[in-house]
Amino acid sequence: MDKTYLIANWKMQLPLKEAISLAKEIANASVGFTAQAEIVLCPSFDSILMVAEELKNSSIKLGAQDCFWEAEGSYTGEISPKFLAEAGVKYVILGHSERRQNLGENNHQINLKIRAALSVGLIPILCVGETFEERQEGRKDFVIMQQLNHSLHDIKLLTNDFLIVAYEPVWVIGSGQAVDPEEAEHTSQVIKQTLFDLFGTEIYKQQTAVIYGGSVNPNNFKSFLEQTTIKGALVGTASLEAETFTEMIKQTS
C-alpha cells in the first residue's frame, strides 16, 4: 500500500510557546491514527529543537522549511542541512513559492539545496507551481516541467534516497480556494511523467511521491487523496490548529 503524506508547513506563523503547545497537542491527539500515513511538522527554525523534543516519543516526523546548500562555512544567517539532520529532522521543504518570490530563489539554488539535503539523508519536498499569469497564458505545464528539470538537473537518487514533489499553484496559496482535485491530478500526472523521464520507472515508483498543496483543509483533503497520482498534501493554514489538523490525520487512516 502506498504511504500517504500529510505535511504541515507552519511558516512564520507561531511564536515559540504556541509552536511547542501545538506540536504536543497534535502528537497526543494523533496516537492511533498514523499507521497508514507519514505525518510531518515543519516549524520555523527558532522552535525546531523544542518541537523535536515534543515529537521524539511519537510517530510524527520533524521537517524543516528550508536549508542551505553547504553543510558549514561562512554563510551568515543560513541553516545547515547537516545541523538539521543532527537535530532529528527527516524532511525539508525546498523551492517554496514564497521563497522564490520574496527572496529571489532560483532553480539552480534549489538544485544545490536538494543535493545538500540528500547528502545528509534528508528527504527533500520540492515545491513547484505556476503563477496566475502563467496559468492564464496556458503555460502551466511547461513552467512546472521546467522547474522540475532545472531543479533536478543531474541529480541521482541513490538506494536510500527519497524525493517528494509538492504541486502548489502559486495563485491559490493562502487564498482559501483550492484547485479542483481533477485539475490537480492532471498536473500531478505531468509531474509523474517528468519524474519518469528523469529517473526511470523503478525509481519513480519506489523513491518518489507527488503531493498537492494550496488551501487544503479537512473538507477537501479526502477528494485529493482519492486521485490516482496524488499521495498526500502540504498544508499551511489548516495545520495551525490541532483539532483541524488532527481531523485531516484521521482521514489518512
Protein backbone atom coordinates (compact mmCIF):
# COMPACT_ATOMS: atom_id res chain seq x y z
CA MET A 1 0.00 0.00 0.00
CA ASP A 2 1.28 3.47 -0.91
CA LYS A 3 2.11 5.72 2.01
CA THR A 4 0.09 8.90 2.48
CA TYR A 5 1.99 12.08 3.34
CA LEU A 6 0.47 14.86 5.42
CA ILE A 7 2.99 17.67 5.87
CA ALA A 8 2.36 20.78 7.96
CA ASN A 9 4.15 23.97 6.95
CA TRP A 10 3.82 26.39 9.86
CA LYS A 11 5.76 29.10 8.00
CA MET A 12 6.47 32.12 10.26
CA GLN A 13 3.09 31.95 11.96
CA LEU A 14 3.71 30.66 15.50
CA PRO A 15 5.66 32.07 18.46
CA LEU A 16 7.83 29.59 20.34
CA LYS A 17 5.35 28.70 23.09
CA GLU A 18 2.49 28.25 20.63
CA ALA A 19 4.60 26.01 18.37
CA ILE A 20 5.59 23.79 21.29
CA SER A 21 1.99 23.60 22.51
CA LEU A 22 0.64 22.79 19.05
CA ALA A 23 3.23 20.06 18.47
CA LYS A 24 2.32 18.49 21.81
CA GLU A 25 -1.41 18.62 21.08
CA ILE A 26 -1.04 17.07 17.64
CA ALA A 27 1.30 14.35 18.92
CA ASN A 28 -1.14 13.43 21.70
CA ALA A 29 -4.27 13.61 19.56
CA SER A 30 -2.84 11.61 16.65
CA VAL A 31 -1.99 8.46 18.61
CA GLY A 32 -3.50 5.53 16.74
CA PHE A 33 -4.23 7.47 13.56
CA THR A 34 -0.82 7.48 11.86
CA ALA A 35 -0.34 3.84 10.84
CA GLN A 36 -1.10 4.43 7.16
CA ALA A 37 0.48 7.85 6.89
CA GLU A 38 3.66 9.84 7.32
CA ILE A 39 2.77 12.92 9.36
CA VAL A 40 5.37 15.71 9.28
CA LEU A 41 5.52 19.01 11.18
CA CYS A 42 7.71 21.79 9.76
CA PRO A 43 8.10 24.55 12.37
CA SER A 44 10.19 27.69 12.00
CA PHE A 45 13.88 27.38 12.85
CA ASP A 46 13.61 29.17 16.19
CA SER A 47 11.37 26.42 17.58
CA ILE A 48 12.68 23.36 15.76
CA LEU A 49 14.69 21.92 18.67
CA MET A 50 11.81 22.34 21.11
CA VAL A 51 9.32 20.80 18.68
CA ALA A 52 11.76 17.92 18.18
CA GLU A 53 11.54 17.24 21.94
CA GLU A 54 7.75 17.08 21.79
CA LEU A 55 7.81 14.62 18.86
CA LYS A 56 10.60 12.29 19.99
CA ASN A 57 8.25 9.71 21.54
CA SER A 58 5.64 9.92 18.79
CA SER A 59 5.37 8.59 15.26
CA ILE A 60 5.21 12.12 13.84
CA LYS A 61 8.28 13.20 11.90
CA LEU A 62 10.11 16.51 12.05
CA GLY A 63 10.58 18.67 8.99
CA ALA A 64 12.25 21.99 8.18
CA GLN A 65 11.15 24.84 5.93
CA ASP A 66 14.46 25.29 4.11
CA CYS A 67 18.18 24.59 4.25
CA PHE A 68 21.37 25.98 2.73
CA TRP A 69 23.42 24.22 0.03
CA GLU A 70 26.56 23.88 2.15
CA ALA A 71 26.99 21.85 5.35
CA GLU A 72 29.13 24.51 7.04
CA GLY A 73 31.06 27.71 6.36
CA SER A 74 30.85 31.50 6.43
CA TYR A 75 27.19 31.79 5.48
CA THR A 76 25.64 34.21 7.97
CA GLY A 77 22.01 33.54 8.72
CA GLU A 78 21.75 30.28 6.80
CA ILE A 79 20.73 26.85 8.11
CA SER A 80 22.99 23.85 7.59
CA PRO A 81 21.39 20.62 6.34
CA LYS A 82 23.91 18.80 8.49
CA PHE A 83 22.62 20.59 11.59
CA LEU A 84 19.05 19.74 10.64
CA ALA A 85 19.87 16.06 10.32
CA GLU A 86 21.65 16.10 13.67
CA ALA A 87 18.60 17.81 15.22
CA GLY A 88 16.36 14.94 14.16
CA VAL A 89 14.88 16.49 11.02
CA LYS A 90 13.87 13.97 8.34
CA TYR A 91 12.18 16.17 5.72
CA VAL A 92 12.97 19.61 4.31
CA ILE A 93 10.78 21.88 2.15
CA LEU A 94 12.73 23.36 -0.76
CA GLY A 95 11.74 25.79 -3.52
CA HIS A 96 8.57 27.06 -1.88
CA SER A 97 6.98 29.82 -3.96
CA GLU A 98 7.22 32.28 -1.07
CA ARG A 99 11.00 31.93 -1.12
CA ARG A 100 11.08 32.13 -4.91
CA GLN A 101 9.02 35.34 -4.83
CA ASN A 102 10.24 37.07 -1.69
CA LEU A 103 13.91 36.06 -1.72
CA GLY A 104 14.57 35.56 -5.42
CA GLU A 105 15.43 31.89 -5.01
CA ASN A 106 16.03 30.24 -8.38
CA ASN A 107 16.06 26.70 -9.75
CA HIS A 108 19.87 26.49 -9.69
CA GLN A 109 19.98 27.31 -5.99
CA ILE A 110 17.20 24.83 -5.34
CA ASN A 111 19.16 22.18 -7.23
CA LEU A 112 22.15 22.79 -4.94
CA LYS A 113 19.94 22.58 -1.86
CA ILE A 114 18.41 19.28 -2.97
CA ARG A 115 21.89 17.82 -3.43
CA ALA A 116 22.94 19.05 0.02
CA ALA A 117 19.80 17.66 1.66
CA LEU A 118 20.20 14.24 0.05
CA SER A 119 23.89 14.11 1.03
CA VAL A 120 22.97 14.11 4.74
CA GLY A 121 19.97 11.79 4.44
CA LEU A 122 17.18 14.37 4.39
CA ILE A 123 14.12 13.88 2.20
CA PRO A 124 13.54 16.96 0.02
CA ILE A 125 10.00 18.22 -0.53
CA LEU A 126 10.41 20.10 -3.80
CA CYS A 127 7.68 22.67 -4.41
CA VAL A 128 6.62 23.53 -7.97
CA GLY A 129 3.74 25.57 -9.28
CA GLU A 130 2.57 28.24 -11.68
CA THR A 131 1.54 31.86 -11.11
CA PHE A 132 -1.89 33.11 -12.14
CA GLU A 133 -0.39 34.88 -15.15
CA GLU A 134 1.38 31.72 -16.31
CA ARG A 135 -1.86 29.81 -15.91
CA GLN A 136 -3.81 32.40 -17.94
CA GLU A 137 -1.20 32.22 -20.70
CA GLY A 138 -1.63 28.43 -20.92
CA ARG A 139 1.96 27.84 -19.80
CA LYS A 140 1.27 25.91 -16.59
CA ASP A 141 2.55 22.50 -17.69
CA PHE A 142 5.63 23.98 -19.36
CA VAL A 143 6.51 26.05 -16.29
CA ILE A 144 6.23 23.05 -13.99
CA MET A 145 8.25 20.78 -16.26
CA GLN A 146 10.91 23.49 -16.49
CA GLN A 147 11.05 23.87 -12.70
CA LEU A 148 11.43 20.11 -12.30
CA ASN A 149 14.05 19.67 -15.00
CA HIS A 150 16.20 22.54 -13.75
CA SER A 151 15.80 21.83 -10.04
CA LEU A 152 16.58 18.12 -10.50
CA HIS A 153 19.26 18.50 -13.19
CA ASP A 154 21.89 15.76 -12.91
CA ILE A 155 20.57 14.62 -9.52
CA LYS A 156 20.74 10.89 -8.89
CA LEU A 157 18.55 9.17 -6.32
CA LEU A 158 20.65 6.51 -4.63
CA THR A 159 19.20 3.40 -3.00
CA ASN A 160 18.21 5.03 0.29
CA ASP A 161 17.18 8.41 -1.16
CA PHE A 162 13.60 9.61 -1.46
CA LEU A 163 12.04 12.69 -3.09
CA ILE A 164 8.63 14.30 -2.67
CA VAL A 165 7.33 16.80 -5.21
CA ALA A 166 4.56 19.12 -3.98
CA TYR A 167 2.39 20.76 -6.63
CA GLU A 168 1.44 24.14 -5.18
CA PRO A 169 -0.25 26.52 -7.63
CA VAL A 170 1.11 29.89 -6.51
CA TRP A 171 -2.17 31.72 -7.03
CA VAL A 172 -4.16 29.59 -4.56
CA ILE A 173 -1.71 29.53 -1.64
CA GLY A 174 -3.34 31.22 1.33
CA SER A 175 -6.43 32.11 -0.69
CA GLY A 176 -8.74 29.57 0.89
CA GLN A 177 -9.68 28.34 -2.59
CA ALA A 178 -8.05 25.10 -3.76
CA VAL A 179 -7.97 23.96 -7.38
CA ASP A 180 -10.33 21.19 -8.45
CA PRO A 181 -8.92 17.77 -7.47
CA GLU A 182 -9.21 16.61 -11.08
CA GLU A 183 -7.05 19.50 -12.27
CA ALA A 184 -4.53 18.81 -9.51
CA GLU A 185 -4.47 15.20 -10.67
CA HIS A 186 -3.78 16.23 -14.27
CA THR A 187 -0.86 18.37 -13.16
CA SER A 188 0.39 15.59 -10.90
CA GLN A 189 0.45 13.30 -13.93
CA VAL A 190 2.60 15.88 -15.74
CA ILE A 191 4.95 15.79 -12.75
CA LYS A 192 4.84 11.99 -12.75
CA GLN A 193 5.84 11.81 -16.42
CA THR A 194 8.69 14.26 -15.87
CA LEU A 195 9.98 12.18 -12.95
CA PHE A 196 9.70 9.07 -15.15
CA ASP A 197 11.84 10.80 -17.77
CA LEU A 198 14.41 11.98 -15.21
CA PHE A 199 14.77 8.86 -13.06
CA GLY A 200 13.16 5.92 -14.82
CA THR A 201 10.17 3.78 -13.90
CA GLU A 202 11.50 1.89 -10.88
CA ILE A 203 12.98 4.89 -9.09
CA TYR A 204 9.80 6.86 -9.71
CA LYS A 205 7.67 4.07 -8.24
CA GLN A 206 9.90 3.27 -5.26
CA GLN A 207 11.62 6.53 -4.37
CA THR A 208 9.33 9.43 -5.22
CA ALA A 209 5.87 10.70 -4.33
CA VAL A 210 3.69 13.53 -5.63
CA ILE A 211 1.50 15.53 -3.25
CA TYR A 212 -0.73 18.61 -3.53
CA GLY A 213 -0.58 21.88 -1.59
CA GLY A 214 -2.67 25.03 -1.65
CA SER A 215 -5.65 25.76 0.61
CA VAL A 216 -6.03 22.13 1.69
CA ASN A 217 -8.39 21.63 4.63
CA PRO A 218 -10.46 18.84 6.24
CA ASN A 219 -13.33 19.49 3.83
CA ASN A 220 -11.36 18.90 0.62
CA PHE A 221 -8.40 16.76 1.73
CA LYS A 222 -10.13 13.43 1.04
CA SER A 223 -11.02 14.47 -2.50
CA PHE A 224 -7.33 14.93 -3.28
CA LEU A 225 -6.41 11.59 -1.71
CA GLU A 226 -8.97 9.89 -3.95
CA GLN A 227 -6.94 10.85 -7.03
CA THR A 228 -4.65 8.23 -8.55
CA THR A 229 -1.35 10.12 -8.55
CA ILE A 230 -1.69 12.41 -5.51
CA LYS A 231 -0.26 10.76 -2.38
CA GLY A 232 -0.87 13.45 0.22
CA ALA A 233 -0.82 17.14 0.97
CA LEU A 234 1.37 20.03 2.07
CA VAL A 235 -0.81 22.03 4.44
CA GLY A 236 -0.44 25.62 5.61
CA THR A 237 -3.25 27.41 7.46
CA ALA A 238 -5.20 24.25 8.30
CA SER A 239 -2.18 22.86 10.16
CA LEU A 240 -2.11 25.73 12.67
CA GLU A 241 -4.94 24.36 14.83
CA ALA A 242 -4.63 20.97 16.49
CA GLU A 243 -8.27 19.98 16.04
CA THR A 244 -8.31 20.85 12.35
CA PHE A 245 -5.04 19.11 11.53
CA THR A 246 -5.94 16.06 13.62
CA GLU A 247 -9.16 15.72 11.62
CA MET A 248 -7.03 15.52 8.48
CA ILE A 249 -4.78 12.91 10.11
CA LYS A 250 -7.87 10.79 10.82
CA GLN A 251 -8.76 10.92 7.12
CA THR A 252 -5.49 9.17 6.22
CA SER A 253 -6.48 6.02 8.13
